[in-house]
């Protein structure tokens, strides 16, 4: 079993015996963990900078598991959730999974069943963080472009030639060539295909034949 680097598993349960059991199980499987009695205590902790998941009981006093999931989504937190419950029904399970939970386990669950869910959650967390880092870097690079360079770049990724872009913008073809060269240089790409991939990583949706400029500073 490969554990993603810098992984941390959180467990929340108001039952002290369950907390002790979870801590023991996670430790025996090689996971670094932090155990909390309530969701409020967990939310008071700063978010972890690496891959992480939260094992949480659905039914708890105060903030329950479903409320916690909603709070994490509202705060744009990236922890992946594994729900455990002795009371969960099918609608509750469907709601949790639709909102992005990794798994929904009924008590009593098998140790290997929970550990598999934790592993899947950490892998998903690591992948999500990788994608977020790539998106942030792509957007940072796009922010380096001037408004005119950004406009030229929009047309380049549609497959237009320099002459066509010049006609579209009402400028000279040689001016377009200069802007195009600067775009490629600033973004560190050498082909239109690489430019398109960078824009896709930035997560900027298309508007007609162009990308939406309001999603990045230009």
N, C-alpha and C. Protein backbone atom coordinates (compact mmCIF):
# COMPACT_ATOMS: atom_id res chain seq x y z
N UNK A 1 0.85 -1.20 0.00
CA UNK A 1 0.00 0.00 0.00
C UNK A 1 0.88 1.25 0.00
N UNK A 2 0.71 2.10 -1.02
CA UNK A 2 1.51 3.31 -1.11
C UNK A 2 0.73 4.47 -0.53
N UNK A 3 1.32 5.14 0.47
CA UNK A 3 0.67 6.28 1.08
C UNK A 3 1.24 7.55 0.45
N UNK A 4 0.40 8.43 -0.12
CA UNK A 4 0.90 9.67 -0.72
C UNK A 4 1.71 10.47 0.30
N UNK A 5 2.82 11.09 -0.13
CA UNK A 5 3.66 11.87 0.78
C UNK A 5 2.87 12.96 1.49
N UNK A 6 3.24 13.22 2.75
CA UNK A 6 2.64 14.28 3.58
C UNK A 6 1.16 14.06 3.84
N UNK A 7 0.71 12.80 3.77
CA UNK A 7 -0.70 12.50 4.01
C UNK A 7 -1.04 12.60 5.49
N UNK A 8 -2.28 13.00 5.76
CA UNK A 8 -2.77 13.07 7.13
C UNK A 8 -4.23 12.65 7.15
N UNK A 9 -4.57 11.76 8.08
CA UNK A 9 -5.94 11.27 8.21
C UNK A 9 -6.56 11.86 9.47
N UNK A 10 -7.71 12.49 9.33
CA UNK A 10 -8.45 13.00 10.48
C UNK A 10 -9.62 12.05 10.75
N UNK A 11 -9.93 11.88 12.02
CA UNK A 11 -11.08 11.06 12.40
C UNK A 11 -11.89 11.82 13.44
N UNK A 12 -13.20 11.85 13.24
CA UNK A 12 -14.09 12.58 14.15
C UNK A 12 -15.20 11.65 14.61
N UNK A 13 -15.31 11.48 15.92
CA UNK A 13 -16.38 10.64 16.48
C UNK A 13 -16.58 11.03 17.93
N UNK A 14 -17.84 11.13 18.35
CA UNK A 14 -18.11 11.54 19.73
C UNK A 14 -17.99 10.39 20.71
N UNK A 15 -17.79 9.17 20.20
CA UNK A 15 -17.63 7.99 21.04
C UNK A 15 -16.14 7.75 21.29
N UNK A 16 -15.71 7.82 22.56
CA UNK A 16 -14.29 7.70 22.89
C UNK A 16 -13.72 6.34 22.51
N UNK A 17 -14.52 5.28 22.64
CA UNK A 17 -14.02 3.96 22.29
C UNK A 17 -13.78 3.85 20.78
N UNK A 18 -14.64 4.49 19.99
CA UNK A 18 -14.46 4.49 18.54
C UNK A 18 -13.22 5.29 18.17
N UNK A 19 -13.03 6.42 18.84
CA UNK A 19 -11.85 7.25 18.56
C UNK A 19 -10.57 6.47 18.84
N UNK A 20 -10.54 5.77 19.96
CA UNK A 20 -9.35 4.99 20.30
C UNK A 20 -9.11 3.88 19.29
N UNK A 21 -10.20 3.23 18.87
CA UNK A 21 -10.08 2.15 17.89
C UNK A 21 -9.58 2.65 16.54
N UNK A 22 -10.07 3.80 16.11
CA UNK A 22 -9.64 4.38 14.84
C UNK A 22 -8.16 4.79 14.91
N UNK A 23 -7.78 5.39 16.02
CA UNK A 23 -6.38 5.82 16.18
C UNK A 23 -5.46 4.61 16.11
N UNK A 24 -5.85 3.54 16.77
CA UNK A 24 -5.03 2.33 16.80
C UNK A 24 -4.94 1.70 15.40
N UNK A 25 -6.07 1.63 14.71
CA UNK A 25 -6.10 1.04 13.37
C UNK A 25 -5.25 1.85 12.39
N UNK A 26 -5.41 3.15 12.40
CA UNK A 26 -4.65 4.00 11.47
C UNK A 26 -3.16 3.93 11.74
N UNK A 27 -2.81 3.92 13.03
CA UNK A 27 -1.39 3.83 13.39
C UNK A 27 -0.79 2.51 12.92
N UNK A 28 -1.54 1.41 13.09
CA UNK A 28 -1.04 0.09 12.70
C UNK A 28 -0.87 -0.02 11.19
N UNK A 29 -1.65 0.78 10.43
CA UNK A 29 -1.56 0.75 8.97
C UNK A 29 -0.53 1.73 8.43
N UNK A 30 0.12 2.46 9.34
CA UNK A 30 1.18 3.37 8.91
C UNK A 30 0.73 4.79 8.60
N UNK A 31 -0.50 5.13 8.96
CA UNK A 31 -1.00 6.47 8.68
C UNK A 31 -0.74 7.43 9.84
N UNK A 32 -0.37 8.64 9.52
CA UNK A 32 -0.32 9.70 10.52
C UNK A 32 -1.74 10.22 10.67
N UNK A 33 -2.20 10.36 11.92
CA UNK A 33 -3.59 10.76 12.11
C UNK A 33 -3.75 11.75 13.26
N UNK A 34 -4.88 12.44 13.23
CA UNK A 34 -5.30 13.31 14.32
C UNK A 34 -6.77 13.00 14.59
N UNK A 35 -7.09 12.82 15.88
CA UNK A 35 -8.43 12.38 16.26
C UNK A 35 -9.16 13.50 17.00
N UNK A 36 -10.44 13.71 16.65
CA UNK A 36 -11.22 14.78 17.27
C UNK A 36 -12.54 14.23 17.81
N UNK A 37 -13.00 14.88 18.88
CA UNK A 37 -14.26 14.48 19.49
C UNK A 37 -15.45 15.10 18.78
N UNK A 38 -15.23 16.26 18.16
CA UNK A 38 -16.34 16.96 17.49
C UNK A 38 -15.87 17.61 16.21
N UNK A 39 -16.83 17.89 15.34
CA UNK A 39 -16.52 18.57 14.09
C UNK A 39 -16.05 20.00 14.36
N UNK A 40 -16.57 20.60 15.41
CA UNK A 40 -16.16 21.97 15.77
C UNK A 40 -14.67 22.01 16.10
N UNK A 41 -14.20 21.01 16.85
CA UNK A 41 -12.78 20.95 17.18
C UNK A 41 -11.94 20.79 15.92
N UNK A 42 -12.42 19.96 15.01
CA UNK A 42 -11.69 19.76 13.76
C UNK A 42 -11.63 21.04 12.94
N UNK A 43 -12.74 21.76 12.83
CA UNK A 43 -12.79 22.98 12.02
C UNK A 43 -11.93 24.09 12.60
N UNK A 44 -11.65 24.00 13.91
CA UNK A 44 -10.80 25.02 14.54
C UNK A 44 -9.34 24.83 14.16
N UNK A 45 -9.00 23.65 13.62
CA UNK A 45 -7.63 23.37 13.22
C UNK A 45 -7.38 23.92 11.81
N UNK A 46 -6.22 24.55 11.58
CA UNK A 46 -5.90 25.02 10.22
C UNK A 46 -5.89 23.85 9.24
N UNK A 47 -6.26 24.09 8.02
CA UNK A 47 -6.29 23.02 7.02
C UNK A 47 -4.88 22.50 6.76
N UNK A 48 -4.81 21.22 6.45
CA UNK A 48 -3.52 20.56 6.20
C UNK A 48 -3.04 20.89 4.79
N UNK A 49 -1.73 21.05 4.62
CA UNK A 49 -1.18 21.47 3.33
C UNK A 49 -0.95 20.31 2.37
N UNK A 50 -1.08 19.08 2.85
CA UNK A 50 -0.86 17.92 1.99
C UNK A 50 -2.14 17.12 1.80
N UNK A 51 -2.05 15.96 1.16
CA UNK A 51 -3.23 15.10 0.98
C UNK A 51 -3.86 14.76 2.32
N UNK A 52 -5.18 14.80 2.39
CA UNK A 52 -5.83 14.52 3.67
C UNK A 52 -7.24 13.99 3.44
N UNK A 53 -7.72 13.25 4.42
CA UNK A 53 -9.10 12.79 4.39
C UNK A 53 -9.65 12.84 5.81
N UNK A 54 -10.97 12.82 5.90
CA UNK A 54 -11.65 12.90 7.18
C UNK A 54 -12.61 11.73 7.30
N UNK A 55 -12.40 10.92 8.35
CA UNK A 55 -13.36 9.87 8.70
C UNK A 55 -14.32 10.49 9.70
N UNK A 56 -15.58 10.55 9.35
CA UNK A 56 -16.52 11.26 10.21
C UNK A 56 -17.82 10.50 10.36
N UNK A 57 -18.32 10.48 11.60
CA UNK A 57 -19.62 9.87 11.88
C UNK A 57 -20.72 10.82 11.43
N UNK A 58 -21.73 10.28 10.80
CA UNK A 58 -22.83 11.11 10.32
C UNK A 58 -23.60 11.73 11.48
N UNK A 59 -23.93 10.91 12.47
CA UNK A 59 -24.75 11.37 13.58
C UNK A 59 -23.88 11.74 14.77
N UNK A 60 -23.72 13.05 15.01
CA UNK A 60 -22.95 13.53 16.16
C UNK A 60 -23.64 14.75 16.74
N UNK A 61 -23.44 15.02 18.03
CA UNK A 61 -23.98 16.24 18.61
C UNK A 61 -23.35 17.47 17.96
N UNK A 62 -24.09 18.56 17.93
CA UNK A 62 -23.54 19.78 17.34
C UNK A 62 -23.51 19.68 15.82
N UNK A 63 -22.36 19.92 15.25
CA UNK A 63 -22.20 19.82 13.80
C UNK A 63 -22.10 18.34 13.41
N UNK A 64 -23.07 17.83 12.67
CA UNK A 64 -23.01 16.43 12.29
C UNK A 64 -22.18 16.26 11.00
N UNK A 65 -22.07 15.03 10.55
CA UNK A 65 -21.21 14.77 9.40
C UNK A 65 -21.67 15.46 8.13
N UNK A 66 -22.97 15.49 7.88
CA UNK A 66 -23.50 16.13 6.69
C UNK A 66 -23.28 17.64 6.75
N UNK A 67 -23.46 18.22 7.93
CA UNK A 67 -23.21 19.66 8.09
C UNK A 67 -21.73 19.98 7.87
N UNK A 68 -20.87 19.09 8.34
CA UNK A 68 -19.44 19.28 8.16
C UNK A 68 -19.10 19.29 6.67
N UNK A 69 -19.66 18.36 5.93
CA UNK A 69 -19.39 18.30 4.49
C UNK A 69 -19.79 19.61 3.82
N UNK A 70 -20.95 20.13 4.17
CA UNK A 70 -21.42 21.39 3.58
C UNK A 70 -20.50 22.54 3.95
N UNK A 71 -20.04 22.56 5.20
CA UNK A 71 -19.14 23.62 5.66
C UNK A 71 -17.81 23.59 4.91
N UNK A 72 -17.26 22.39 4.73
CA UNK A 72 -15.99 22.25 4.02
C UNK A 72 -16.12 22.72 2.57
N UNK A 73 -17.25 22.40 1.95
CA UNK A 73 -17.49 22.84 0.57
C UNK A 73 -17.58 24.36 0.51
N UNK A 74 -18.31 24.96 1.45
CA UNK A 74 -18.46 26.41 1.47
C UNK A 74 -17.12 27.12 1.69
N UNK A 75 -16.26 26.51 2.49
CA UNK A 75 -14.95 27.11 2.79
C UNK A 75 -13.89 26.73 1.74
N UNK A 76 -14.30 25.98 0.74
CA UNK A 76 -13.39 25.53 -0.32
C UNK A 76 -12.22 24.72 0.25
N UNK A 77 -12.52 23.95 1.28
CA UNK A 77 -11.51 23.06 1.85
C UNK A 77 -11.41 21.81 0.98
N UNK A 78 -10.24 21.18 0.97
CA UNK A 78 -10.00 20.09 0.03
C UNK A 78 -9.95 18.70 0.67
N UNK A 79 -10.25 18.60 1.97
CA UNK A 79 -10.24 17.27 2.59
C UNK A 79 -11.30 16.36 1.95
N UNK A 80 -10.92 15.11 1.73
CA UNK A 80 -11.85 14.12 1.19
C UNK A 80 -12.54 13.39 2.35
N UNK A 81 -13.84 13.15 2.22
CA UNK A 81 -14.61 12.60 3.34
C UNK A 81 -14.96 11.13 3.17
N UNK A 82 -14.82 10.40 4.27
CA UNK A 82 -15.28 9.02 4.37
C UNK A 82 -16.28 8.99 5.53
N UNK A 83 -17.55 8.75 5.22
CA UNK A 83 -18.58 8.73 6.24
C UNK A 83 -18.73 7.34 6.84
N UNK A 84 -18.92 7.30 8.16
CA UNK A 84 -19.26 6.05 8.84
C UNK A 84 -20.51 6.32 9.68
N UNK A 85 -21.39 5.35 9.75
CA UNK A 85 -22.62 5.57 10.50
C UNK A 85 -23.30 4.26 10.85
N UNK A 86 -24.04 4.31 11.92
CA UNK A 86 -24.88 3.17 12.28
C UNK A 86 -26.33 3.49 11.99
N UNK A 87 -26.58 4.72 11.47
CA UNK A 87 -27.95 5.18 11.28
C UNK A 87 -28.25 5.63 9.86
N UNK A 88 -27.25 5.70 9.03
CA UNK A 88 -27.43 6.26 7.70
C UNK A 88 -28.41 5.48 6.84
N UNK A 89 -29.24 6.22 6.10
CA UNK A 89 -30.15 5.56 5.17
C UNK A 89 -29.69 5.84 3.74
N UNK A 90 -30.41 5.27 2.79
CA UNK A 90 -30.01 5.40 1.38
C UNK A 90 -30.05 6.85 0.89
N UNK A 91 -31.10 7.64 1.19
CA UNK A 91 -31.10 9.04 0.74
C UNK A 91 -29.91 9.84 1.28
N UNK A 92 -29.57 9.61 2.55
CA UNK A 92 -28.44 10.31 3.16
C UNK A 92 -27.14 9.91 2.47
N UNK A 93 -26.99 8.63 2.19
CA UNK A 93 -25.80 8.13 1.51
C UNK A 93 -25.68 8.75 0.11
N UNK A 94 -26.81 8.78 -0.60
CA UNK A 94 -26.81 9.35 -1.95
C UNK A 94 -26.44 10.83 -1.91
N UNK A 95 -26.95 11.55 -0.92
CA UNK A 95 -26.65 12.98 -0.79
C UNK A 95 -25.18 13.20 -0.54
N UNK A 96 -24.60 12.40 0.35
CA UNK A 96 -23.18 12.54 0.69
C UNK A 96 -22.29 12.23 -0.52
N UNK A 97 -22.61 11.17 -1.23
CA UNK A 97 -21.81 10.78 -2.39
C UNK A 97 -21.93 11.80 -3.51
N UNK A 98 -23.12 12.33 -3.71
CA UNK A 98 -23.34 13.33 -4.75
C UNK A 98 -22.53 14.59 -4.46
N UNK A 99 -22.36 14.90 -3.17
CA UNK A 99 -21.61 16.08 -2.77
C UNK A 99 -20.10 15.84 -2.77
N UNK A 100 -19.67 14.61 -3.11
CA UNK A 100 -18.25 14.36 -3.28
C UNK A 100 -17.60 13.44 -2.28
N UNK A 101 -18.37 12.81 -1.39
CA UNK A 101 -17.78 11.89 -0.42
C UNK A 101 -17.14 10.70 -1.14
N UNK A 102 -16.06 10.18 -0.57
CA UNK A 102 -15.37 9.04 -1.17
C UNK A 102 -16.11 7.74 -0.88
N UNK A 103 -16.64 7.62 0.34
CA UNK A 103 -17.35 6.39 0.70
C UNK A 103 -18.30 6.65 1.85
N UNK A 104 -19.21 5.70 2.06
CA UNK A 104 -20.22 5.79 3.11
C UNK A 104 -20.34 4.39 3.70
N UNK A 105 -19.74 4.18 4.87
CA UNK A 105 -19.66 2.84 5.47
C UNK A 105 -20.60 2.70 6.66
N UNK A 106 -21.22 1.55 6.74
CA UNK A 106 -22.10 1.27 7.89
C UNK A 106 -21.31 0.59 9.00
N UNK A 107 -21.58 1.01 10.24
CA UNK A 107 -21.01 0.33 11.40
C UNK A 107 -21.81 -0.94 11.66
N UNK A 108 -21.18 -2.02 12.07
CA UNK A 108 -19.72 -2.17 12.19
C UNK A 108 -19.09 -2.46 10.82
N UNK A 109 -18.00 -1.79 10.51
CA UNK A 109 -17.32 -1.99 9.24
C UNK A 109 -16.04 -2.80 9.48
N UNK A 110 -15.56 -3.46 8.45
CA UNK A 110 -14.31 -4.21 8.56
C UNK A 110 -13.12 -3.26 8.49
N UNK A 111 -12.06 -3.61 9.17
CA UNK A 111 -10.86 -2.76 9.17
C UNK A 111 -10.34 -2.56 7.76
N UNK A 112 -10.27 -3.64 6.99
CA UNK A 112 -9.72 -3.53 5.63
C UNK A 112 -10.62 -2.68 4.74
N UNK A 113 -11.91 -2.70 5.03
CA UNK A 113 -12.87 -1.90 4.27
C UNK A 113 -12.61 -0.40 4.49
N UNK A 114 -12.42 -0.03 5.75
CA UNK A 114 -12.15 1.37 6.07
C UNK A 114 -10.80 1.81 5.52
N UNK A 115 -9.78 0.96 5.67
CA UNK A 115 -8.45 1.32 5.20
C UNK A 115 -8.41 1.49 3.68
N UNK A 116 -9.20 0.70 2.98
CA UNK A 116 -9.27 0.85 1.52
C UNK A 116 -9.91 2.21 1.16
N UNK A 117 -10.93 2.59 1.91
CA UNK A 117 -11.59 3.87 1.67
C UNK A 117 -10.64 5.03 1.97
N UNK A 118 -9.88 4.91 3.03
CA UNK A 118 -8.90 5.94 3.39
C UNK A 118 -7.85 6.09 2.30
N UNK A 119 -7.35 4.94 1.82
CA UNK A 119 -6.35 4.97 0.76
C UNK A 119 -6.91 5.65 -0.50
N UNK A 120 -8.13 5.30 -0.87
CA UNK A 120 -8.75 5.91 -2.05
C UNK A 120 -8.93 7.41 -1.86
N UNK A 121 -9.30 7.80 -0.64
CA UNK A 121 -9.52 9.22 -0.35
C UNK A 121 -8.21 10.01 -0.45
N UNK A 122 -7.13 9.45 0.06
CA UNK A 122 -5.85 10.14 0.02
C UNK A 122 -5.31 10.25 -1.41
N UNK A 123 -5.52 9.21 -2.19
CA UNK A 123 -5.10 9.24 -3.60
C UNK A 123 -5.89 10.33 -4.34
N UNK A 124 -7.20 10.38 -4.08
CA UNK A 124 -8.02 11.42 -4.72
C UNK A 124 -7.58 12.81 -4.27
N UNK A 125 -7.28 12.95 -2.98
CA UNK A 125 -6.84 14.23 -2.44
C UNK A 125 -5.53 14.68 -3.10
N UNK A 126 -4.58 13.75 -3.23
CA UNK A 126 -3.30 14.08 -3.84
C UNK A 126 -3.48 14.51 -5.29
N UNK A 127 -4.35 13.80 -6.02
CA UNK A 127 -4.60 14.13 -7.42
C UNK A 127 -5.29 15.49 -7.54
N UNK A 128 -6.21 15.76 -6.65
CA UNK A 128 -6.91 17.04 -6.67
C UNK A 128 -5.95 18.18 -6.40
N UNK A 129 -5.03 17.98 -5.47
CA UNK A 129 -4.05 19.02 -5.16
C UNK A 129 -3.09 19.23 -6.32
N UNK A 130 -2.74 18.15 -7.01
CA UNK A 130 -1.87 18.28 -8.17
C UNK A 130 -2.55 19.11 -9.26
N UNK A 131 -3.82 18.81 -9.51
CA UNK A 131 -4.55 19.56 -10.52
C UNK A 131 -4.71 21.04 -10.13
N UNK A 132 -4.95 21.29 -8.85
CA UNK A 132 -5.09 22.67 -8.38
C UNK A 132 -3.79 23.44 -8.55
N UNK A 133 -2.67 22.77 -8.25
CA UNK A 133 -1.37 23.43 -8.41
C UNK A 133 -1.09 23.75 -9.87
N UNK A 134 -1.43 22.83 -10.76
CA UNK A 134 -1.24 23.06 -12.20
C UNK A 134 -2.14 24.19 -12.68
N UNK A 135 -3.37 24.23 -12.19
CA UNK A 135 -4.28 25.31 -12.59
C UNK A 135 -3.77 26.66 -12.11
N UNK A 136 -3.31 26.73 -10.87
CA UNK A 136 -2.80 27.99 -10.33
C UNK A 136 -1.59 28.47 -11.11
N UNK A 137 -0.70 27.55 -11.48
CA UNK A 137 0.49 27.92 -12.24
C UNK A 137 0.11 28.40 -13.64
N UNK A 138 -0.84 27.71 -14.27
CA UNK A 138 -1.28 28.12 -15.60
C UNK A 138 -1.91 29.51 -15.57
N UNK A 139 -2.70 29.77 -14.56
CA UNK A 139 -3.34 31.09 -14.44
C UNK A 139 -2.31 32.18 -14.11
N UNK A 140 -1.31 31.81 -13.33
CA UNK A 140 -0.25 32.78 -13.03
C UNK A 140 0.47 33.19 -14.31
N UNK A 141 0.74 32.22 -15.17
CA UNK A 141 1.42 32.52 -16.43
C UNK A 141 0.54 33.39 -17.34
N UNK A 142 -0.74 33.06 -17.42
CA UNK A 142 -1.64 33.85 -18.26
C UNK A 142 -1.75 35.28 -17.76
N UNK A 143 -1.60 35.46 -16.47
CA UNK A 143 -1.66 36.81 -15.90
C UNK A 143 -0.48 37.68 -16.35
N UNK A 144 0.57 37.05 -16.91
CA UNK A 144 1.74 37.81 -17.37
C UNK A 144 1.47 38.51 -18.70
N UNK A 145 0.43 38.09 -19.40
CA UNK A 145 0.15 38.65 -20.73
C UNK A 145 -0.49 40.03 -20.63
N UNK A 146 -0.14 40.89 -21.58
CA UNK A 146 -0.83 42.18 -21.70
C UNK A 146 -2.21 41.94 -22.32
N UNK A 147 -3.10 42.93 -22.24
CA UNK A 147 -4.42 42.74 -22.85
C UNK A 147 -4.35 42.36 -24.33
N UNK A 148 -3.46 42.99 -25.10
CA UNK A 148 -3.35 42.68 -26.51
C UNK A 148 -2.78 41.28 -26.73
N UNK A 149 -1.78 40.91 -25.93
CA UNK A 149 -1.21 39.57 -26.04
C UNK A 149 -2.26 38.51 -25.71
N UNK A 150 -3.07 38.80 -24.72
CA UNK A 150 -4.13 37.86 -24.34
C UNK A 150 -5.13 37.70 -25.48
N UNK A 151 -5.44 38.84 -26.13
CA UNK A 151 -6.39 38.82 -27.24
C UNK A 151 -5.84 38.00 -28.41
N UNK A 152 -4.55 38.19 -28.71
CA UNK A 152 -3.92 37.42 -29.77
C UNK A 152 -3.92 35.93 -29.40
N UNK A 153 -3.60 35.64 -28.16
CA UNK A 153 -3.56 34.25 -27.70
C UNK A 153 -4.92 33.57 -27.86
N UNK A 154 -6.00 34.32 -27.56
CA UNK A 154 -7.35 33.78 -27.74
C UNK A 154 -7.58 33.30 -29.17
N UNK A 155 -7.09 34.07 -30.11
CA UNK A 155 -7.30 33.75 -31.52
C UNK A 155 -6.35 32.65 -32.00
N UNK A 156 -5.15 32.63 -31.43
CA UNK A 156 -4.18 31.59 -31.80
C UNK A 156 -4.71 30.21 -31.46
N UNK A 157 -5.31 30.07 -30.28
CA UNK A 157 -5.75 28.73 -29.86
C UNK A 157 -6.97 28.24 -30.63
N UNK A 158 -7.61 29.14 -31.39
CA UNK A 158 -8.71 28.69 -32.25
C UNK A 158 -8.17 28.13 -33.57
N UNK A 159 -6.85 28.28 -33.80
CA UNK A 159 -6.25 27.76 -35.02
C UNK A 159 -6.10 28.79 -36.12
N UNK A 160 -6.39 30.05 -35.84
CA UNK A 160 -6.28 31.10 -36.86
C UNK A 160 -4.81 31.37 -37.20
N UNK A 161 -4.55 31.69 -38.44
CA UNK A 161 -3.22 32.06 -38.89
C UNK A 161 -2.95 33.52 -38.56
N UNK A 162 -1.66 33.89 -38.60
CA UNK A 162 -1.29 35.28 -38.28
C UNK A 162 -2.03 36.28 -39.16
N UNK A 163 -2.14 35.98 -40.45
CA UNK A 163 -2.81 36.88 -41.38
C UNK A 163 -4.29 37.04 -41.01
N UNK A 164 -4.90 35.94 -40.62
CA UNK A 164 -6.31 35.99 -40.22
C UNK A 164 -6.50 36.78 -38.93
N UNK A 165 -5.57 36.59 -38.00
CA UNK A 165 -5.63 37.32 -36.73
C UNK A 165 -5.47 38.82 -36.97
N UNK A 166 -4.55 39.17 -37.87
CA UNK A 166 -4.32 40.58 -38.20
C UNK A 166 -5.60 41.20 -38.75
N UNK A 167 -6.29 40.45 -39.63
CA UNK A 167 -7.54 40.96 -40.18
C UNK A 167 -8.61 41.10 -39.13
N UNK A 168 -8.66 40.15 -38.20
CA UNK A 168 -9.65 40.18 -37.11
C UNK A 168 -9.43 41.36 -36.19
N UNK A 169 -8.16 41.68 -35.91
CA UNK A 169 -7.83 42.75 -34.96
C UNK A 169 -7.59 44.09 -35.63
N UNK A 170 -7.53 44.08 -36.96
CA UNK A 170 -7.30 45.34 -37.68
C UNK A 170 -5.89 45.87 -37.48
N UNK A 171 -4.92 44.98 -37.49
CA UNK A 171 -3.53 45.38 -37.30
C UNK A 171 -2.66 44.68 -38.33
N UNK A 172 -1.37 45.02 -38.34
CA UNK A 172 -0.45 44.44 -39.32
C UNK A 172 -0.07 43.01 -38.92
N UNK A 173 0.19 42.18 -39.93
CA UNK A 173 0.57 40.80 -39.66
C UNK A 173 1.87 40.71 -38.88
N UNK A 174 2.82 41.60 -39.18
CA UNK A 174 4.10 41.57 -38.46
C UNK A 174 3.92 41.91 -36.98
N UNK A 175 2.91 42.76 -36.69
CA UNK A 175 2.61 43.09 -35.29
C UNK A 175 2.05 41.86 -34.56
N UNK A 176 1.22 41.12 -35.26
CA UNK A 176 0.67 39.89 -34.69
C UNK A 176 1.79 38.91 -34.40
N UNK A 177 2.74 38.81 -35.32
CA UNK A 177 3.87 37.89 -35.13
C UNK A 177 4.65 38.24 -33.88
N UNK A 178 4.84 39.54 -33.65
CA UNK A 178 5.57 39.99 -32.45
C UNK A 178 4.80 39.59 -31.19
N UNK A 179 3.50 39.86 -31.19
CA UNK A 179 2.68 39.52 -30.02
C UNK A 179 2.66 38.01 -29.79
N UNK A 180 2.54 37.27 -30.87
CA UNK A 180 2.50 35.82 -30.78
C UNK A 180 3.80 35.28 -30.19
N UNK A 181 4.91 35.82 -30.64
CA UNK A 181 6.21 35.40 -30.12
C UNK A 181 6.31 35.69 -28.62
N UNK A 182 5.84 36.86 -28.21
CA UNK A 182 5.90 37.23 -26.79
C UNK A 182 5.00 36.33 -25.95
N UNK A 183 3.85 35.98 -26.50
CA UNK A 183 2.93 35.08 -25.79
C UNK A 183 3.61 33.75 -25.53
N UNK A 184 4.17 33.17 -26.58
CA UNK A 184 4.81 31.85 -26.44
C UNK A 184 5.99 31.93 -25.47
N UNK A 185 6.74 33.03 -25.55
CA UNK A 185 7.91 33.20 -24.69
C UNK A 185 7.50 33.33 -23.22
N UNK A 186 6.51 34.17 -22.95
CA UNK A 186 6.07 34.39 -21.57
C UNK A 186 5.46 33.12 -20.96
N UNK A 187 4.76 32.37 -21.78
CA UNK A 187 4.08 31.17 -21.27
C UNK A 187 4.98 29.94 -21.28
N UNK A 188 6.14 30.05 -21.90
CA UNK A 188 7.09 28.94 -21.91
C UNK A 188 6.64 27.77 -22.75
N UNK A 189 5.93 28.04 -23.86
CA UNK A 189 5.49 26.99 -24.76
C UNK A 189 6.07 27.22 -26.15
N UNK A 190 6.15 26.15 -26.94
CA UNK A 190 6.75 26.26 -28.26
C UNK A 190 5.81 25.82 -29.38
N UNK A 191 4.59 25.45 -29.03
CA UNK A 191 3.63 25.02 -30.05
C UNK A 191 2.22 25.43 -29.65
N UNK A 192 1.34 25.48 -30.65
CA UNK A 192 -0.05 25.82 -30.38
C UNK A 192 -0.70 24.74 -29.51
N UNK A 193 -0.32 23.48 -29.75
CA UNK A 193 -0.89 22.39 -28.95
C UNK A 193 -0.56 22.56 -27.47
N UNK A 194 0.69 22.95 -27.19
CA UNK A 194 1.10 23.17 -25.80
C UNK A 194 0.37 24.37 -25.22
N UNK A 195 0.13 25.38 -26.04
CA UNK A 195 -0.61 26.56 -25.60
C UNK A 195 -2.04 26.19 -25.24
N UNK A 196 -2.66 25.38 -26.06
CA UNK A 196 -4.03 24.93 -25.79
C UNK A 196 -4.09 24.14 -24.49
N UNK A 197 -3.11 23.26 -24.26
CA UNK A 197 -3.09 22.46 -23.02
C UNK A 197 -2.95 23.36 -21.80
N UNK A 198 -2.14 24.41 -21.92
CA UNK A 198 -1.96 25.31 -20.79
C UNK A 198 -3.27 26.03 -20.46
N UNK A 199 -3.97 26.49 -21.50
CA UNK A 199 -5.24 27.18 -21.29
C UNK A 199 -6.26 26.22 -20.66
N UNK A 200 -6.25 24.97 -21.11
CA UNK A 200 -7.15 23.97 -20.53
C UNK A 200 -6.83 23.73 -19.06
N UNK A 201 -5.54 23.68 -18.72
CA UNK A 201 -5.16 23.50 -17.32
C UNK A 201 -5.62 24.66 -16.46
N UNK A 202 -5.64 25.85 -17.05
CA UNK A 202 -6.09 27.03 -16.31
C UNK A 202 -7.58 26.96 -16.00
N UNK A 203 -8.29 26.06 -16.68
CA UNK A 203 -9.71 25.88 -16.42
C UNK A 203 -10.56 27.02 -16.90
N UNK A 204 -10.10 27.70 -17.95
CA UNK A 204 -10.84 28.84 -18.47
C UNK A 204 -11.81 28.36 -19.55
N UNK A 205 -13.12 28.50 -19.33
CA UNK A 205 -14.09 27.99 -20.30
C UNK A 205 -14.15 28.86 -21.55
N UNK A 206 -14.45 28.25 -22.70
CA UNK A 206 -14.55 29.02 -23.94
C UNK A 206 -15.83 29.83 -24.00
N UNK A 207 -15.77 30.95 -24.70
CA UNK A 207 -16.95 31.75 -24.99
C UNK A 207 -16.96 31.94 -26.50
N UNK A 208 -17.83 31.21 -27.18
CA UNK A 208 -17.79 31.22 -28.63
C UNK A 208 -16.49 30.61 -29.09
N UNK A 209 -15.73 31.35 -29.88
CA UNK A 209 -14.44 30.88 -30.35
C UNK A 209 -13.30 31.39 -29.50
N UNK A 210 -13.63 32.08 -28.41
CA UNK A 210 -12.59 32.66 -27.56
C UNK A 210 -12.75 32.17 -26.14
N UNK A 211 -11.71 32.35 -25.31
CA UNK A 211 -11.82 32.00 -23.91
C UNK A 211 -12.27 33.23 -23.14
N UNK A 212 -12.79 32.99 -21.98
CA UNK A 212 -13.37 34.06 -21.19
C UNK A 212 -12.28 34.89 -20.50
N UNK A 213 -12.04 36.14 -20.91
CA UNK A 213 -10.96 36.93 -20.34
C UNK A 213 -11.18 37.35 -18.90
N UNK A 214 -12.44 37.36 -18.45
CA UNK A 214 -12.73 37.84 -17.10
C UNK A 214 -12.30 36.87 -16.02
N UNK A 215 -11.87 35.66 -16.39
CA UNK A 215 -11.46 34.68 -15.39
C UNK A 215 -10.00 34.80 -15.03
N UNK A 216 -9.29 35.69 -15.69
CA UNK A 216 -7.90 35.92 -15.36
C UNK A 216 -7.58 37.38 -15.55
N UNK A 217 -6.61 37.90 -14.87
CA UNK A 217 -6.24 39.30 -15.01
C UNK A 217 -5.52 39.49 -16.33
N UNK A 218 -5.89 40.53 -17.08
CA UNK A 218 -5.26 40.78 -18.38
C UNK A 218 -4.93 42.25 -18.52
